[in-house]
Structure formats: C-alpha cells, structure tokens
Amino acid sequence: MFLIGSGITVLESPNPLEKGISGKVVLDLKNSVVLQSGKKFKVILKKNRFFRVEKKGNLFIINGNALQGKLYSRKSKKGRMKNGKKNRSKAKGSIR
C-alpha cells in the first residue's frame, strides 16, 4: 500500500507515548514512517503497531508488521524470496 500523503493515526503501540499520534505520511521507509503533524515531524516504527490509515476517503486499520519492507517489494511479487534465495534473471554482478 502506498502511504505517502495519507493521513495516519497510531492506534496500538508498545510505547504508550505513541498512541494517538496522527499526521500526514511524508516518508515511507523500510521499518518506519515519518509523519508531519503541524510543523513537527515524528518517526514511528512499523513493527508491533496498528495504524488507522485514511486514503481517498476510505479508512483502513493496518498491522504495521504487514507494512514492513521496501515499497517495491510490498507492491509487486517479482523478486520475492523463494526457498531462501531471491529470484533473479541473471547472476549477481554479471554485466550484459
């Protein structure tokens, strides 16, 4: 799911100070998101958290563990791990 520009609220977190933090996603990293709330920026880890995401008028409740990883690996199934090895069309380091 593409999160940048979406409104997001932290519903559950191991850190009680993070609960209820909300803002607009300005950066979606591998293990965290950066929220802008007013003039402040907050970095929130994705692991073991639940988020309420508002996107195009729709509301979603998402487990942060499902959001971990780079955007391109979450978006497509190409290049996913299979039997502990990444699928590649050519050998690593080869030049064409």
Protein backbone atom coordinates (compact mmCIF):
# COMPACT_ATOMS: atom_id res chain seq x y z
CA MET A 1 0.00 0.00 0.00
CA PHE A 2 1.33 3.43 -0.97
CA LEU A 3 1.20 5.51 2.23
CA ILE A 4 2.80 8.83 1.26
CA GLY A 5 0.22 11.61 1.51
CA SER A 6 -2.21 9.52 3.56
CA GLY A 7 -3.49 10.55 6.96
CA ILE A 8 -2.40 8.06 9.61
CA THR A 9 -3.06 7.57 13.34
CA VAL A 10 -1.22 5.19 15.70
CA LEU A 11 -3.88 3.02 17.37
CA GLU A 12 -1.71 0.49 19.24
CA SER A 13 1.96 0.68 20.15
CA PRO A 14 4.34 -0.85 22.71
CA ASN A 15 5.29 2.75 23.54
CA PRO A 16 2.30 4.37 25.30
CA LEU A 17 3.53 7.84 24.28
CA GLU A 18 2.98 6.99 20.59
CA LYS A 19 -0.68 6.04 20.93
CA GLY A 20 -2.91 8.64 19.30
CA ILE A 21 -0.16 10.35 17.30
CA SER A 22 -1.55 11.35 13.94
CA GLY A 23 -0.35 13.20 10.89
CA LYS A 24 0.31 13.03 7.19
CA VAL A 25 2.86 10.50 5.90
CA VAL A 26 5.75 12.35 4.25
CA LEU A 27 8.22 9.45 4.03
CA ASP A 28 7.71 5.69 3.99
CA LEU A 29 10.90 3.86 4.93
CA LYS A 30 11.64 0.14 5.27
CA ASN A 31 10.92 -0.12 9.01
CA SER A 32 9.35 3.25 9.84
CA VAL A 33 7.17 6.09 8.62
CA VAL A 34 7.76 9.81 9.02
CA LEU A 35 4.64 11.79 9.93
CA GLN A 36 4.16 15.53 9.71
CA SER A 37 1.89 16.92 12.39
CA GLY A 38 1.74 20.70 12.17
CA LYS A 39 5.36 21.86 11.97
CA LYS A 40 6.71 18.77 13.75
CA PHE A 41 7.96 15.54 12.21
CA LYS A 42 7.65 12.22 14.04
CA VAL A 43 9.39 8.94 13.15
CA ILE A 44 7.21 5.95 14.04
CA LEU A 45 8.43 2.37 13.77
CA LYS A 46 6.09 -0.05 11.96
CA LYS A 47 6.86 -3.21 13.96
CA ASN A 48 4.24 -4.25 16.56
CA ARG A 49 1.96 -1.29 15.87
CA PHE A 50 -1.52 -0.85 14.44
CA PHE A 51 -2.37 2.14 12.28
CA ARG A 52 -5.60 3.75 11.14
CA VAL A 53 -5.00 4.96 7.58
CA GLU A 54 -7.26 7.37 5.74
CA LYS A 55 -6.76 7.22 2.00
CA LYS A 56 -9.08 8.74 -0.63
CA GLY A 57 -11.92 8.92 1.89
CA ASN A 58 -11.56 5.26 2.93
CA LEU A 59 -10.46 4.10 6.37
CA PHE A 60 -8.20 1.09 6.92
CA ILE A 61 -6.79 -0.48 10.06
CA ILE A 62 -3.43 -1.99 9.21
CA ASN A 63 -0.92 -4.06 11.17
CA GLY A 64 2.45 -2.35 10.92
CA ASN A 65 4.20 -5.72 10.54
CA ALA A 66 2.46 -6.09 7.15
CA LEU A 67 3.87 -2.71 6.09
CA GLN A 68 7.49 -3.57 6.83
CA GLY A 69 9.86 -3.84 3.90
CA LYS A 70 10.60 -1.63 0.96
CA LEU A 71 7.68 -0.28 -1.04
CA TYR A 72 8.61 -2.03 -4.28
CA SER A 73 8.81 -5.44 -2.55
CA ARG A 74 5.40 -4.90 -0.92
CA LYS A 75 3.86 -3.68 -4.17
CA SER A 76 4.85 -6.47 -6.55
CA LYS A 77 5.51 -10.16 -6.18
CA LYS A 78 8.51 -10.10 -8.54
CA GLY A 79 11.83 -10.63 -6.85
CA ARG A 80 10.34 -12.17 -3.71
CA MET A 81 12.28 -14.73 -1.74
CA LYS A 82 11.80 -18.33 -2.77
CA ASN A 83 13.48 -21.17 -0.89
CA GLY A 84 15.73 -18.66 0.86
CA LYS A 85 17.09 -17.22 -2.40
CA LYS A 86 15.96 -14.16 -4.30
CA ASN A 87 14.69 -14.83 -7.82
CA ARG A 88 16.94 -13.15 -10.35
CA SER A 89 17.10 -13.41 -14.10
CA LYS A 90 20.88 -13.05 -14.19
CA ALA A 91 23.72 -13.86 -11.83
CA LYS A 92 24.65 -11.27 -9.25
CA GLY A 93 27.37 -8.98 -10.52
CA SER A 94 27.15 -10.10 -14.13
CA ILE A 95 27.30 -7.49 -16.88
CA ARG A 96 25.17 -7.51 -20.01
